[in-house]
Amino acid sequence: MSGNTSTRRSNPAVEIALVIIMLIVIIPILWALLLAFLPNRAITSRSWDFPFWMGNFRAIFADGAFTAQLINSAGLVIGTVVLCLVIGALSGYALAKLSPPRWLTLPALVLAGIIPLIPPATLVPGLYVLLNNIGLLGTVPGLIIVNTLFNLPFAVLLMSSYFAALPDELRESALMDGAHELRAFWLVMLPLVRPGLAATGVFVGIMAWNEFLMGLTLTSGGVTAPVTVGIAGFLQQYAVTWGELAAAGSVAAVPMILLAIFANRQIVSGLTAGAVKG
């Protein structure tokens, strides 16, 4: 009993360190949010004057380009998440429960391990030529294919761990009751890994939303680009509109913050389910 009490005793040094880390993370976010509501003259001025101003938000939405970029990023996230979840769930189930032959699984696992290690910049020329040849260069579907390529190995391995945590008896019982493999997967196994699907979808969605390099190199900018490229566009060679830059960054951060807040329980339960073998 005394051992449990001692392990739960608060440690002032740890608490102080956590507070410092939290401040280091929060202060830049609050500072960027403050700049979003200030005119540029107040930002560059040496005086501590903070006039509340909504002009930055009106400016970034004035020509419609930033709105189009937000829509592009939303479509990119939805398409990438759907493809990664569909292919990742089927492939993860096959790896965990169907015992495919080693001549098939070994190259797939090697490829899944190599793709995340390749610097994305080295793949840009090949992807550019490929998308150009199939007519998807500078389009959202083209970016969806590219982002799926980079995120699919993560989704497959993560979903495989969730399916591996389920007892084999569940699948065997469904097959003995007359269900074919696809029906057992859809009606029995897949509903049990819904927290894993949610966690995988959230992580893949965040990665797709924050992707920058492919959006920069595989689109022509403007209304064809994702929101990350649009934000970078406020950094000009001879001038930086700090207020508009901060406003665009604040708007772009809202969807992912809301997603993390509402999916927090699913993320935690999904990670726990994938970490404990049933």
C-alpha atoms as a PDB file:
ATOM      1  CA  MET A   1       0.000   0.000   0.000  1.00  0.00           C
ATOM      2  CA  SER A   2       2.814   2.349   0.905  1.00  0.00           C
ATOM      3  CA  GLY A   3       4.469   1.554  -2.435  1.00  0.00           C
ATOM      4  CA  ASN A   4       1.356   2.642  -4.349  1.00  0.00           C
ATOM      5  CA  THR A   5       1.151   5.832  -2.295  1.00  0.00           C
ATOM      6  CA  SER A   6       4.769   6.705  -2.990  1.00  0.00           C
ATOM      7  CA  THR A   7       4.400   6.189  -6.726  1.00  0.00           C
ATOM      8  CA  ARG A   8       1.410   8.535  -6.836  1.00  0.00           C
ATOM      9  CA  ARG A   9       3.091  11.276  -4.814  1.00  0.00           C
ATOM     10  CA  SER A  10       3.478  14.489  -6.794  1.00  0.00           C
ATOM     11  CA  ASN A  11       6.942  15.465  -7.948  1.00  0.00           C
ATOM     12  CA  PRO A  12       7.418  19.254  -8.023  1.00  0.00           C
ATOM     13  CA  ALA A  13      10.323  19.048 -10.480  1.00  0.00           C
ATOM     14  CA  VAL A  14       8.254  17.036 -12.952  1.00  0.00           C
ATOM     15  CA  GLU A  15       5.282  19.379 -12.597  1.00  0.00           C
ATOM     16  CA  ILE A  16       7.461  22.455 -13.160  1.00  0.00           C
ATOM     17  CA  ALA A  17       9.037  20.834 -16.225  1.00  0.00           C
ATOM     18  CA  LEU A  18       5.596  20.016 -17.635  1.00  0.00           C
ATOM     19  CA  VAL A  19       4.419  23.591 -17.093  1.00  0.00           C
ATOM     20  CA  ILE A  20       7.513  24.950 -18.846  1.00  0.00           C
ATOM     21  CA  ILE A  21       7.011  22.581 -21.790  1.00  0.00           C
ATOM     22  CA  MET A  22       3.347  23.532 -22.005  1.00  0.00           C
ATOM     23  CA  LEU A  23       4.234  27.243 -22.052  1.00  0.00           C
ATOM     24  CA  ILE A  24       6.849  26.661 -24.753  1.00  0.00           C
ATOM     25  CA  VAL A  25       4.179  25.021 -26.896  1.00  0.00           C
ATOM     26  CA  ILE A  26       1.296  27.401 -26.151  1.00  0.00           C
ATOM     27  CA  ILE A  27       3.029  30.810 -26.240  1.00  0.00           C
ATOM     28  CA  PRO A  28       3.944  30.712 -29.977  1.00  0.00           C
ATOM     29  CA  ILE A  29       0.381  29.640 -30.800  1.00  0.00           C
ATOM     30  CA  LEU A  30      -1.113  32.476 -28.767  1.00  0.00           C
ATOM     31  CA  TRP A  31       1.364  34.931 -30.265  1.00  0.00           C
ATOM     32  CA  ALA A  32       0.420  33.897 -33.812  1.00  0.00           C
ATOM     33  CA  LEU A  33      -3.258  34.228 -32.913  1.00  0.00           C
ATOM     34  CA  LEU A  34      -2.620  37.728 -31.543  1.00  0.00           C
ATOM     35  CA  LEU A  35      -0.804  38.767 -34.729  1.00  0.00           C
ATOM     36  CA  ALA A  36      -3.793  37.610 -36.777  1.00  0.00           C
ATOM     37  CA  PHE A  37      -5.877  40.397 -35.217  1.00  0.00           C
ATOM     38  CA  LEU A  38      -3.303  43.178 -35.634  1.00  0.00           C
ATOM     39  CA  PRO A  39      -2.637  45.421 -38.649  1.00  0.00           C
ATOM     40  CA  ASN A  40       0.860  45.230 -40.118  1.00  0.00           C
ATOM     41  CA  ARG A  41       1.780  48.698 -38.877  1.00  0.00           C
ATOM     42  CA  ALA A  42       1.046  47.618 -35.298  1.00  0.00           C
ATOM     43  CA  ILE A  43       3.061  44.412 -35.759  1.00  0.00           C
ATOM     44  CA  THR A  44       6.157  46.197 -37.080  1.00  0.00           C
ATOM     45  CA  SER A  45       5.834  49.132 -34.697  1.00  0.00           C
ATOM     46  CA  ARG A  46       8.006  49.266 -31.572  1.00  0.00           C
ATOM     47  CA  SER A  47       5.114  50.470 -29.441  1.00  0.00           C
ATOM     48  CA  TRP A  48       3.009  48.025 -27.447  1.00  0.00           C
ATOM     49  CA  ASP A  49      -0.224  48.930 -29.186  1.00  0.00           C
ATOM     50  CA  PHE A  50      -2.719  46.108 -29.796  1.00  0.00           C
ATOM     51  CA  PRO A  51      -5.715  47.392 -31.797  1.00  0.00           C
ATOM     52  CA  PHE A  52      -8.230  44.648 -32.524  1.00  0.00           C
ATOM     53  CA  TRP A  53      -8.561  44.375 -36.316  1.00  0.00           C
ATOM     54  CA  MET A  54     -10.364  41.895 -38.584  1.00  0.00           C
ATOM     55  CA  GLY A  55      -8.837  43.196 -41.805  1.00  0.00           C
ATOM     56  CA  ASN A  56      -6.360  40.322 -42.107  1.00  0.00           C
ATOM     57  CA  PHE A  57      -9.144  37.747 -42.318  1.00  0.00           C
ATOM     58  CA  ARG A  58     -11.046  39.850 -44.844  1.00  0.00           C
ATOM     59  CA  ALA A  59      -7.878  40.184 -46.927  1.00  0.00           C
ATOM     60  CA  ILE A  60      -7.060  36.476 -47.150  1.00  0.00           C
ATOM     61  CA  PHE A  61     -10.596  35.627 -48.292  1.00  0.00           C
ATOM     62  CA  ALA A  62     -10.953  38.616 -50.640  1.00  0.00           C
ATOM     63  CA  ASP A  63      -9.899  37.043 -53.944  1.00  0.00           C
ATOM     64  CA  GLY A  64     -11.226  33.516 -53.306  1.00  0.00           C
ATOM     65  CA  ALA A  65      -7.852  31.815 -53.762  1.00  0.00           C
ATOM     66  CA  PHE A  66      -7.457  30.937 -50.075  1.00  0.00           C
ATOM     67  CA  THR A  67     -11.000  29.543 -49.981  1.00  0.00           C
ATOM     68  CA  ALA A  68     -10.198  27.339 -52.990  1.00  0.00           C
ATOM     69  CA  GLN A  69      -7.025  26.152 -51.262  1.00  0.00           C
ATOM     70  CA  LEU A  70      -8.975  25.207 -48.139  1.00  0.00           C
ATOM     71  CA  ILE A  71     -11.404  23.224 -50.295  1.00  0.00           C
ATOM     72  CA  ASN A  72      -8.473  21.538 -52.059  1.00  0.00           C
ATOM     73  CA  SER A  73      -6.953  20.507 -48.733  1.00  0.00           C
ATOM     74  CA  ALA A  74     -10.307  19.224 -47.478  1.00  0.00           C
ATOM     75  CA  GLY A  75     -10.714  17.111 -50.623  1.00  0.00           C
ATOM     76  CA  LEU A  76      -7.120  15.927 -50.297  1.00  0.00           C
ATOM     77  CA  VAL A  77      -7.676  14.818 -46.700  1.00  0.00           C
ATOM     78  CA  ILE A  78     -10.987  13.072 -47.426  1.00  0.00           C
ATOM     79  CA  GLY A  79      -9.646  11.223 -50.465  1.00  0.00           C
ATOM     80  CA  THR A  80      -6.395  10.180 -48.791  1.00  0.00           C
ATOM     81  CA  VAL A  81      -8.129   9.002 -45.614  1.00  0.00           C
ATOM     82  CA  VAL A  82     -10.747   6.994 -47.522  1.00  0.00           C
ATOM     83  CA  LEU A  83      -8.165   5.245 -49.710  1.00  0.00           C
ATOM     84  CA  CYS A  84      -5.812   4.557 -46.800  1.00  0.00           C
ATOM     85  CA  LEU A  85      -8.603   3.175 -44.613  1.00  0.00           C
ATOM     86  CA  VAL A  86     -10.107   0.965 -47.322  1.00  0.00           C
ATOM     87  CA  ILE A  87      -6.819  -0.445 -48.603  1.00  0.00           C
ATOM     88  CA  GLY A  88      -5.209  -0.383 -45.154  1.00  0.00           C
ATOM     89  CA  ALA A  89      -8.057  -2.277 -43.494  1.00  0.00           C
ATOM     90  CA  LEU A  90      -8.185  -4.961 -46.189  1.00  0.00           C
ATOM     91  CA  SER A  91      -4.415  -5.353 -46.323  1.00  0.00           C
ATOM     92  CA  GLY A  92      -4.018  -5.245 -42.547  1.00  0.00           C
ATOM     93  CA  TYR A  93      -6.691  -7.927 -42.150  1.00  0.00           C
ATOM     94  CA  ALA A  94      -4.980 -10.108 -44.744  1.00  0.00           C
ATOM     95  CA  LEU A  95      -1.586  -9.753 -43.070  1.00  0.00           C
ATOM     96  CA  ALA A  96      -2.941 -10.446 -39.580  1.00  0.00           C
ATOM     97  CA  LYS A  97      -5.506 -13.204 -40.203  1.00  0.00           C
ATOM     98  CA  LEU A  98      -5.127 -14.831 -43.621  1.00  0.00           C
ATOM     99  CA  SER A  99      -1.444 -15.825 -43.427  1.00  0.00           C
ATOM    100  CA  PRO A 100      -0.504 -14.906 -47.005  1.00  0.00           C
ATOM    101  CA  PRO A 101       2.594 -16.578 -48.487  1.00  0.00           C
ATOM    102  CA  ARG A 102       5.984 -15.176 -47.570  1.00  0.00           C
ATOM    103  CA  TRP A 103       6.882 -14.473 -51.204  1.00  0.00           C
ATOM    104  CA  LEU A 104       4.048 -11.926 -51.132  1.00  0.00           C
ATOM    105  CA  THR A 105       4.273 -10.522 -47.613  1.00  0.00           C
ATOM    106  CA  LEU A 106       8.062 -10.135 -47.427  1.00  0.00           C
ATOM    107  CA  PRO A 107       8.402  -7.761 -50.412  1.00  0.00           C
ATOM    108  CA  ALA A 108       5.315  -5.859 -49.225  1.00  0.00           C
ATOM    109  CA  LEU A 109       6.749  -5.398 -45.722  1.00  0.00           C
ATOM    110  CA  VAL A 110      10.149  -4.401 -47.108  1.00  0.00           C
ATOM    111  CA  LEU A 111       8.486  -1.861 -49.388  1.00  0.00           C
ATOM    112  CA  ALA A 112       6.368  -0.552 -46.493  1.00  0.00           C
ATOM    113  CA  GLY A 113       9.527  -0.082 -44.451  1.00  0.00           C
ATOM    114  CA  ILE A 114      11.529   1.563 -47.224  1.00  0.00           C
ATOM    115  CA  ILE A 115       8.977   4.108 -48.488  1.00  0.00           C
ATOM    116  CA  PRO A 116       8.896   6.198 -45.251  1.00  0.00           C
ATOM    117  CA  LEU A 117      12.725   6.279 -45.253  1.00  0.00           C
ATOM    118  CA  ILE A 118      13.026   7.735 -48.765  1.00  0.00           C
ATOM    119  CA  PRO A 119      13.374  11.548 -48.786  1.00  0.00           C
ATOM    120  CA  PRO A 120      10.216  12.779 -50.551  1.00  0.00           C
ATOM    121  CA  ALA A 121      12.206  15.294 -52.588  1.00  0.00           C
ATOM    122  CA  THR A 122      13.979  12.457 -54.415  1.00  0.00           C
ATOM    123  CA  LEU A 123      10.640  11.154 -55.697  1.00  0.00           C
ATOM    124  CA  VAL A 124       9.386  14.483 -57.028  1.00  0.00           C
ATOM    125  CA  PRO A 125      10.775  14.146 -60.604  1.00  0.00           C
ATOM    126  CA  GLY A 126       9.340  10.666 -61.089  1.00  0.00           C
ATOM    127  CA  LEU A 127       5.975  11.590 -59.585  1.00  0.00           C
ATOM    128  CA  TYR A 128       5.855  14.754 -61.704  1.00  0.00           C
ATOM    129  CA  VAL A 129       6.374  12.792 -64.924  1.00  0.00           C
ATOM    130  CA  LEU A 130       3.926  10.078 -63.852  1.00  0.00           C
ATOM    131  CA  LEU A 131       1.112  12.479 -62.985  1.00  0.00           C
ATOM    132  CA  ASN A 132       1.773  14.472 -66.140  1.00  0.00           C
ATOM    133  CA  ASN A 133       1.495  11.340 -68.284  1.00  0.00           C
ATOM    134  CA  ILE A 134      -1.828  10.300 -66.763  1.00  0.00           C
ATOM    135  CA  GLY A 135      -3.250  13.827 -66.844  1.00  0.00           C
ATOM    136  CA  LEU A 136      -3.453  14.387 -63.080  1.00  0.00           C
ATOM    137  CA  LEU A 137      -0.641  16.904 -62.643  1.00  0.00           C
ATOM    138  CA  GLY A 138      -1.793  19.950 -60.705  1.00  0.00           C
ATOM    139  CA  THR A 139      -5.050  18.316 -59.582  1.00  0.00           C
ATOM    140  CA  VAL A 140      -6.430  17.225 -56.236  1.00  0.00           C
ATOM    141  CA  PRO A 141      -6.846  13.575 -57.379  1.00  0.00           C
ATOM    142  CA  GLY A 142      -3.155  13.557 -58.278  1.00  0.00           C
ATOM    143  CA  LEU A 143      -2.215  14.819 -54.822  1.00  0.00           C
ATOM    144  CA  ILE A 144      -4.517  12.211 -53.274  1.00  0.00           C
ATOM    145  CA  ILE A 145      -2.652   9.435 -55.089  1.00  0.00           C
ATOM    146  CA  VAL A 146       0.726  10.793 -53.983  1.00  0.00           C
ATOM    147  CA  ASN A 147      -0.315  11.253 -50.350  1.00  0.00           C
ATOM    148  CA  THR A 148      -1.850   7.787 -50.305  1.00  0.00           C
ATOM    149  CA  LEU A 149       1.472   6.402 -51.520  1.00  0.00           C
ATOM    150  CA  PHE A 150       3.312   7.926 -48.564  1.00  0.00           C
ATOM    151  CA  ASN A 151       0.701   7.213 -45.871  1.00  0.00           C
ATOM    152  CA  LEU A 152      -0.518   3.765 -46.914  1.00  0.00           C
ATOM    153  CA  PRO A 153       2.378   1.758 -45.372  1.00  0.00           C
ATOM    154  CA  PHE A 154       1.686   3.380 -42.000  1.00  0.00           C
ATOM    155  CA  ALA A 155      -2.053   2.660 -42.325  1.00  0.00           C
ATOM    156  CA  VAL A 156      -1.506  -0.973 -43.321  1.00  0.00           C
ATOM    157  CA  LEU A 157       0.886  -1.756 -40.485  1.00  0.00           C
ATOM    158  CA  LEU A 158      -1.275   0.043 -37.943  1.00  0.00           C
ATOM    159  CA  MET A 159      -4.452  -1.721 -39.014  1.00  0.00           C
ATOM    160  CA  SER A 160      -2.614  -5.037 -39.053  1.00  0.00           C
ATOM    161  CA  SER A 161      -1.720  -4.569 -35.382  1.00  0.00           C
ATOM    162  CA  TYR A 162      -5.369  -3.905 -34.511  1.00  0.00           C
ATOM    163  CA  PHE A 163      -6.611  -7.001 -36.342  1.00  0.00           C
ATOM    164  CA  ALA A 164      -3.822  -9.103 -34.811  1.00  0.00           C
ATOM    165  CA  ALA A 165      -5.083  -8.129 -31.347  1.00  0.00           C
ATOM    166  CA  LEU A 166      -8.487  -9.748 -32.058  1.00  0.00           C
ATOM    167  CA  PRO A 167      -8.955 -13.434 -31.124  1.00  0.00           C
ATOM    168  CA  ASP A 168      -8.834 -15.809 -34.090  1.00  0.00           C
ATOM    169  CA  GLU A 169     -11.888 -17.582 -32.672  1.00  0.00           C
ATOM    170  CA  LEU A 170     -14.132 -14.713 -33.766  1.00  0.00           C
ATOM    171  CA  ARG A 171     -13.249 -15.175 -37.424  1.00  0.00           C
ATOM    172  CA  GLU A 172     -13.366 -18.953 -37.184  1.00  0.00           C
ATOM    173  CA  SER A 173     -16.824 -18.859 -35.585  1.00  0.00           C
ATOM    174  CA  ALA A 174     -18.151 -16.633 -38.355  1.00  0.00           C
ATOM    175  CA  LEU A 175     -16.740 -18.963 -41.023  1.00  0.00           C
ATOM    176  CA  MET A 176     -18.217 -22.011 -39.293  1.00  0.00           C
ATOM    177  CA  ASP A 177     -21.614 -20.300 -39.269  1.00  0.00           C
ATOM    178  CA  GLY A 178     -21.494 -20.131 -43.053  1.00  0.00           C
ATOM    179  CA  ALA A 179     -20.139 -16.629 -43.624  1.00  0.00           C
ATOM    180  CA  HIS A 180     -17.591 -16.237 -46.390  1.00  0.00           C
ATOM    181  CA  GLU A 181     -14.313 -14.399 -45.732  1.00  0.00           C
ATOM    182  CA  LEU A 182     -15.451 -10.972 -46.905  1.00  0.00           C
ATOM    183  CA  ARG A 183     -18.648 -11.183 -44.855  1.00  0.00           C
ATOM    184  CA  ALA A 184     -16.703 -12.220 -41.745  1.00  0.00           C
ATOM    185  CA  PHE A 185     -14.376  -9.260 -42.292  1.00  0.00           C
ATOM    186  CA  TRP A 186     -17.181  -6.751 -42.857  1.00  0.00           C
ATOM    187  CA  LEU A 187     -19.702  -7.838 -40.223  1.00  0.00           C
ATOM    188  CA  VAL A 188     -17.540  -9.344 -37.475  1.00  0.00           C
ATOM    189  CA  MET A 189     -13.949  -8.157 -37.539  1.00  0.00           C
ATOM    190  CA  LEU A 190     -14.171  -4.624 -38.932  1.00  0.00           C
ATOM    191  CA  PRO A 191     -16.684  -3.290 -36.346  1.00  0.00           C
ATOM    192  CA  LEU A 192     -14.354  -4.430 -33.567  1.00  0.00           C
ATOM    193  CA  VAL A 193     -11.496  -2.256 -34.826  1.00  0.00           C
ATOM    194  CA  ARG A 194     -13.500   0.956 -35.219  1.00  0.00           C
ATOM    195  CA  PRO A 195     -11.309   2.777 -32.671  1.00  0.00           C
ATOM    196  CA  GLY A 196      -8.302   1.716 -34.730  1.00  0.00           C
ATOM    197  CA  LEU A 197      -9.947   2.989 -37.904  1.00  0.00           C
ATOM    198  CA  ALA A 198     -10.611   6.326 -36.203  1.00  0.00           C
ATOM    199  CA  ALA A 199      -7.045   6.637 -34.919  1.00  0.00           C
ATOM    200  CA  THR A 200      -5.562   5.706 -38.294  1.00  0.00           C
ATOM    201  CA  GLY A 201      -7.887   8.089 -40.106  1.00  0.00           C
ATOM    202  CA  VAL A 202      -7.014  10.988 -37.801  1.00  0.00           C
ATOM    203  CA  PHE A 203      -3.271  10.495 -38.132  1.00  0.00           C
ATOM    204  CA  VAL A 204      -3.433  10.077 -41.910  1.00  0.00           C
ATOM    205  CA  GLY A 205      -5.707  13.123 -42.169  1.00  0.00           C
ATOM    206  CA  ILE A 206      -3.294  15.284 -40.184  1.00  0.00           C
ATOM    207  CA  MET A 207      -0.375  14.165 -42.349  1.00  0.00           C
ATOM    208  CA  ALA A 208      -2.308  14.884 -45.558  1.00  0.00           C
ATOM    209  CA  TRP A 209      -3.498  18.297 -44.316  1.00  0.00           C
ATOM    210  CA  ASN A 210       0.027  19.366 -43.329  1.00  0.00           C
ATOM    211  CA  GLU A 211       1.779  18.075 -46.470  1.00  0.00           C
ATOM    212  CA  PHE A 212       3.669  20.844 -48.258  1.00  0.00           C
ATOM    213  CA  LEU A 213       6.386  19.640 -50.631  1.00  0.00           C
ATOM    214  CA  MET A 214       4.176  17.713 -53.059  1.00  0.00           C
ATOM    215  CA  GLY A 215       1.583  20.455 -53.099  1.00  0.00           C
ATOM    216  CA  LEU A 216       4.307  22.970 -53.928  1.00  0.00           C
ATOM    217  CA  THR A 217       6.009  20.978 -56.692  1.00  0.00           C
ATOM    218  CA  LEU A 218       3.070  19.142 -58.272  1.00  0.00           C
ATOM    219  CA  THR A 219       0.676  22.095 -58.617  1.00  0.00           C
ATOM    220  CA  SER A 220       0.927  25.470 -60.292  1.00  0.00           C
ATOM    221  CA  GLY A 221      -0.050  27.342 -57.120  1.00  0.00           C
ATOM    222  CA  GLY A 222      -3.006  29.658 -56.721  1.00  0.00           C
ATOM    223  CA  VAL A 223      -6.396  27.953 -56.766  1.00  0.00           C
ATOM    224  CA  THR A 224      -4.832  24.571 -57.643  1.00  0.00           C
ATOM    225  CA  ALA A 225      -2.653  24.396 -54.506  1.00  0.00           C
ATOM    226  CA  PRO A 226      -3.454  23.082 -51.010  1.00  0.00           C
ATOM    227  CA  VAL A 227      -3.687  25.460 -48.071  1.00  0.00           C
ATOM    228  CA  THR A 228      -0.107  24.855 -46.875  1.00  0.00           C
ATOM    229  CA  VAL A 229       1.220  26.235 -50.163  1.00  0.00           C
ATOM    230  CA  GLY A 230      -1.196  29.140 -49.923  1.00  0.00           C
ATOM    231  CA  ILE A 231       0.133  30.063 -46.485  1.00  0.00           C
ATOM    232  CA  ALA A 232       3.699  30.016 -47.756  1.00  0.00           C
ATOM    233  CA  GLY A 233       2.616  32.403 -50.499  1.00  0.00           C
ATOM    234  CA  PHE A 234       2.332  35.213 -47.953  1.00  0.00           C
ATOM    235  CA  LEU A 235       6.136  35.103 -47.581  1.00  0.00           C
ATOM    236  CA  GLN A 236       7.207  37.348 -50.449  1.00  0.00           C
ATOM    237  CA  GLN A 237      10.750  38.264 -51.472  1.00  0.00           C
ATOM    238  CA  TYR A 238      10.513  41.953 -50.599  1.00  0.00           C
ATOM    239  CA  ALA A 239       7.672  42.028 -48.085  1.00  0.00           C
ATOM    240  CA  VAL A 240       5.981  39.745 -45.571  1.00  0.00           C
ATOM    241  CA  THR A 241       2.373  40.426 -44.617  1.00  0.00           C
ATOM    242  CA  TRP A 242       2.708  39.108 -41.104  1.00  0.00           C
ATOM    243  CA  GLY A 243      -0.907  39.731 -40.149  1.00  0.00           C
ATOM    244  CA  GLU A 244      -2.327  37.895 -43.161  1.00  0.00           C
ATOM    245  CA  LEU A 245       0.215  35.107 -42.686  1.00  0.00           C
ATOM    246  CA  ALA A 246      -0.859  34.653 -39.070  1.00  0.00           C
ATOM    247  CA  ALA A 247      -4.556  34.825 -40.011  1.00  0.00           C
ATOM    248  CA  ALA A 248      -4.128  32.180 -42.723  1.00  0.00           C
ATOM    249  CA  GLY A 249      -2.208  29.935 -40.347  1.00  0.00           C
ATOM    250  CA  SER A 250      -4.844  30.327 -37.656  1.00  0.00           C
ATOM    251  CA  VAL A 251      -7.670  29.444 -40.044  1.00  0.00           C
ATOM    252  CA  ALA A 252      -5.754  26.432 -41.399  1.00  0.00           C
ATOM    253  CA  ALA A 253      -5.077  25.130 -37.890  1.00  0.00           C
ATOM    254  CA  VAL A 254      -8.730  25.176 -36.800  1.00  0.00           C
ATOM    255  CA  PRO A 255      -9.913  22.019 -38.660  1.00  0.00           C
ATOM    256  CA  MET A 256      -7.113  19.847 -37.283  1.00  0.00           C
ATOM    257  CA  ILE A 257      -7.527  21.211 -33.760  1.00  0.00           C
ATOM    258  CA  LEU A 258     -11.256  20.475 -33.842  1.00  0.00           C
ATOM    259  CA  LEU A 259     -10.584  17.019 -35.284  1.00  0.00           C
ATOM    260  CA  ALA A 260      -8.091  16.230 -32.519  1.00  0.00           C
ATOM    261  CA  ILE A 261     -10.503  17.464 -29.838  1.00  0.00           C
ATOM    262  CA  PHE A 262     -13.541  15.524 -31.041  1.00  0.00           C
ATOM    263  CA  ALA A 263     -11.570  12.382 -31.922  1.00  0.00           C
ATOM    264  CA  ASN A 264      -9.423  12.404 -28.790  1.00  0.00           C
ATOM    265  CA  ARG A 265     -11.287   9.523 -27.130  1.00  0.00           C
ATOM    266  CA  GLN A 266     -11.193   7.437 -30.308  1.00  0.00           C
ATOM    267  CA  ILE A 267      -7.472   8.091 -30.722  1.00  0.00           C
ATOM    268  CA  VAL A 268      -6.662   7.015 -27.156  1.00  0.00           C
ATOM    269  CA  SER A 269      -8.856   3.912 -27.293  1.00  0.00           C
ATOM    270  CA  GLY A 270      -7.505   3.051 -30.726  1.00  0.00           C
ATOM    271  CA  LEU A 271      -3.894   3.271 -29.608  1.00  0.00           C
ATOM    272  CA  THR A 272      -4.675   1.246 -26.502  1.00  0.00           C
ATOM    273  CA  ALA A 273      -6.464  -1.429 -28.535  1.00  0.00           C
ATOM    274  CA  GLY A 274      -3.555  -1.703 -30.889  1.00  0.00           C
ATOM    275  CA  ALA A 275      -1.042  -1.947 -28.081  1.00  0.00           C
ATOM    276  CA  VAL A 276      -2.680  -4.767 -26.101  1.00  0.00           C
ATOM    277  CA  LYS A 277      -2.754  -8.255 -27.492  1.00  0.00           C
ATOM    278  CA  GLY A 278      -6.120  -9.964 -26.840  1.00  0.00           C
END
